[in-house]
N, C-alpha and C. Protein backbone atom coordinates (compact mmCIF):
# COMPACT_ATOMS: atom_id res chain seq x y z
N MET A 1 125.57 152.77 275.81
CA MET A 1 126.68 152.14 275.12
C MET A 1 127.54 151.37 276.12
N PRO A 2 127.87 150.11 275.81
CA PRO A 2 128.76 149.37 276.71
C PRO A 2 130.20 149.85 276.56
N LYS A 3 130.99 149.53 277.56
CA LYS A 3 132.41 149.88 277.51
C LYS A 3 133.11 149.03 276.45
N ILE A 4 134.16 149.57 275.87
CA ILE A 4 134.98 148.81 274.93
C ILE A 4 136.05 148.09 275.75
N LYS A 5 136.21 146.80 275.51
CA LYS A 5 137.20 146.03 276.26
C LYS A 5 138.38 145.67 275.37
N THR A 6 139.55 145.65 275.98
CA THR A 6 140.76 145.19 275.30
C THR A 6 140.75 143.67 275.27
N ASN A 7 141.12 143.09 274.16
CA ASN A 7 141.26 141.64 274.07
C ASN A 7 142.52 141.23 274.82
N ARG A 8 142.37 140.52 275.93
CA ARG A 8 143.49 140.23 276.80
C ARG A 8 144.51 139.29 276.16
N GLY A 9 144.04 138.37 275.31
CA GLY A 9 144.97 137.48 274.61
C GLY A 9 145.86 138.25 273.67
N ALA A 10 145.30 139.23 272.97
CA ALA A 10 146.08 140.06 272.05
C ALA A 10 147.02 140.98 272.82
N ALA A 11 146.58 141.47 273.98
CA ALA A 11 147.41 142.38 274.77
C ALA A 11 148.69 141.70 275.23
N LYS A 12 148.63 140.39 275.44
CA LYS A 12 149.81 139.65 275.88
C LYS A 12 150.75 139.32 274.71
N ARG A 13 150.26 139.41 273.49
CA ARG A 13 151.05 139.01 272.32
C ARG A 13 151.64 140.18 271.54
N PHE A 14 151.00 141.33 271.57
CA PHE A 14 151.43 142.46 270.75
C PHE A 14 151.79 143.66 271.60
N ARG A 15 152.77 144.43 271.13
CA ARG A 15 153.14 145.68 271.78
C ARG A 15 153.17 146.77 270.72
N ARG A 16 152.88 147.99 271.13
CA ARG A 16 152.87 149.14 270.22
C ARG A 16 154.30 149.63 270.00
N THR A 17 154.62 150.01 268.78
CA THR A 17 155.93 150.59 268.50
C THR A 17 155.84 152.11 268.60
N ALA A 18 156.98 152.77 268.59
CA ALA A 18 157.01 154.23 268.72
C ALA A 18 156.33 154.91 267.54
N ASN A 19 156.37 154.29 266.36
CA ASN A 19 155.76 154.89 265.17
C ASN A 19 154.29 154.53 264.99
N GLY A 20 153.71 153.82 265.96
CA GLY A 20 152.30 153.52 265.90
C GLY A 20 151.97 152.15 265.34
N GLY A 21 152.97 151.37 264.97
CA GLY A 21 152.71 150.01 264.49
C GLY A 21 152.64 149.04 265.65
N PHE A 22 152.72 147.77 265.35
CA PHE A 22 152.72 146.75 266.39
C PHE A 22 153.86 145.78 266.14
N LYS A 23 154.41 145.25 267.23
CA LYS A 23 155.46 144.24 267.11
C LYS A 23 154.98 142.97 267.80
N ARG A 24 155.60 141.86 267.42
CA ARG A 24 155.19 140.57 267.96
C ARG A 24 156.43 139.68 268.07
N GLY A 25 156.33 138.67 268.92
CA GLY A 25 157.39 137.69 269.03
C GLY A 25 157.15 136.56 268.03
N GLN A 26 158.20 135.81 267.76
CA GLN A 26 158.08 134.66 266.86
C GLN A 26 157.47 133.47 267.60
N SER A 27 156.76 132.65 266.89
CA SER A 27 156.22 131.42 267.48
C SER A 27 157.26 130.31 267.38
N HIS A 28 156.96 129.17 267.96
CA HIS A 28 157.80 127.96 267.91
C HIS A 28 159.11 128.09 268.68
N HIS A 29 159.16 128.98 269.67
CA HIS A 29 160.39 129.10 270.44
C HIS A 29 160.16 128.83 271.92
N ARG A 30 159.09 128.11 272.27
CA ARG A 30 158.76 127.85 273.67
C ARG A 30 159.22 126.47 274.14
N HIS A 31 158.99 125.45 273.32
CA HIS A 31 159.31 124.10 273.76
C HIS A 31 159.67 123.25 272.55
N ILE A 32 160.08 122.02 272.80
CA ILE A 32 160.58 121.10 271.77
C ILE A 32 161.73 121.76 271.01
N LEU A 33 162.70 122.26 271.78
CA LEU A 33 163.81 122.99 271.18
C LEU A 33 164.99 122.08 270.83
N THR A 34 164.97 120.84 271.32
CA THR A 34 166.14 119.98 271.12
C THR A 34 166.31 119.59 269.66
N LYS A 35 165.23 119.45 268.94
CA LYS A 35 165.34 119.03 267.54
C LYS A 35 165.59 120.19 266.57
N LYS A 36 165.52 121.41 267.08
CA LYS A 36 165.72 122.58 266.23
C LYS A 36 167.20 122.98 266.25
N SER A 37 167.69 123.40 265.11
CA SER A 37 169.10 123.78 265.01
C SER A 37 169.33 125.10 265.75
N ALA A 38 170.60 125.34 266.09
CA ALA A 38 170.97 126.57 266.79
C ALA A 38 170.62 127.79 265.95
N LYS A 39 170.84 127.69 264.64
CA LYS A 39 170.53 128.81 263.73
C LYS A 39 169.04 129.11 263.75
N ARG A 40 168.23 128.07 263.69
CA ARG A 40 166.77 128.26 263.68
C ARG A 40 166.29 128.88 265.00
N LYS A 41 166.81 128.40 266.12
CA LYS A 41 166.42 128.94 267.41
C LYS A 41 166.86 130.40 267.55
N ARG A 42 168.04 130.72 267.05
CA ARG A 42 168.55 132.08 267.12
C ARG A 42 167.67 133.03 266.30
N GLN A 43 167.22 132.56 265.14
CA GLN A 43 166.37 133.40 264.29
C GLN A 43 164.97 133.58 264.86
N LEU A 44 164.52 132.64 265.69
CA LEU A 44 163.20 132.74 266.29
C LEU A 44 163.15 133.74 267.45
N VAL A 45 164.30 134.19 267.91
CA VAL A 45 164.35 135.14 269.01
C VAL A 45 163.94 136.53 268.56
N THR A 46 164.11 136.84 267.28
CA THR A 46 163.90 138.20 266.79
C THR A 46 162.45 138.65 266.92
N ILE A 47 162.30 139.94 267.08
CA ILE A 47 160.97 140.56 267.15
C ILE A 47 160.58 141.00 265.75
N GLU A 48 159.36 140.69 265.35
CA GLU A 48 158.87 141.02 264.00
C GLU A 48 157.81 142.11 264.10
N ARG A 49 157.63 142.84 263.00
CA ARG A 49 156.54 143.81 262.92
C ARG A 49 155.31 143.12 262.36
N ILE A 50 154.15 143.58 262.75
CA ILE A 50 152.89 143.06 262.22
C ILE A 50 152.76 143.51 260.77
N ALA A 51 152.30 142.63 259.91
CA ALA A 51 152.12 142.95 258.49
C ALA A 51 151.09 144.07 258.34
N ASP A 52 151.25 144.86 257.31
CA ASP A 52 150.32 145.97 257.07
C ASP A 52 148.88 145.48 256.92
N ALA A 53 148.70 144.30 256.34
CA ALA A 53 147.36 143.76 256.14
C ALA A 53 146.67 143.43 257.46
N ASP A 54 147.45 143.20 258.53
CA ASP A 54 146.88 142.81 259.83
C ASP A 54 146.78 143.97 260.81
N GLN A 55 147.26 145.14 260.44
CA GLN A 55 147.27 146.28 261.35
C GLN A 55 145.86 146.63 261.84
N ARG A 56 144.91 146.64 260.93
CA ARG A 56 143.54 147.04 261.29
C ARG A 56 142.93 146.08 262.30
N SER A 57 143.14 144.77 262.11
CA SER A 57 142.57 143.79 263.03
C SER A 57 143.16 143.92 264.43
N VAL A 58 144.48 144.11 264.50
CA VAL A 58 145.13 144.23 265.81
C VAL A 58 144.71 145.52 266.49
N ARG A 59 144.58 146.59 265.73
CA ARG A 59 144.14 147.87 266.30
C ARG A 59 142.74 147.74 266.90
N ARG A 60 141.91 146.95 266.26
CA ARG A 60 140.54 146.74 266.75
C ARG A 60 140.54 145.93 268.05
N LEU A 61 141.48 144.98 268.17
CA LEU A 61 141.58 144.17 269.39
C LEU A 61 142.17 144.95 270.55
N LEU A 62 142.99 145.95 270.24
CA LEU A 62 143.69 146.73 271.27
C LEU A 62 143.33 148.21 271.16
N PRO A 63 142.13 148.60 271.53
CA PRO A 63 141.71 149.99 271.31
C PRO A 63 142.44 151.01 272.19
N PHE A 64 143.00 150.62 273.33
CA PHE A 64 143.59 151.58 274.25
C PHE A 64 145.11 151.51 274.31
N VAL A 65 145.72 150.68 273.47
CA VAL A 65 147.17 150.53 273.53
C VAL A 65 147.83 151.56 272.64
């Protein structure tokens, strides 16, 4: 049996929560910020939880997290 590898792209995007779920950052907050309103940029800072429908896929990408 080969070793199971962690998906490195997913490891950089998702973190495990204390209750066993996953959290993620919002997209669209890296560049081209001048045209976005202050309210929109402020709301993009928040950390979101992964949807229940996506939990299984993320768990499969991150077997050791």
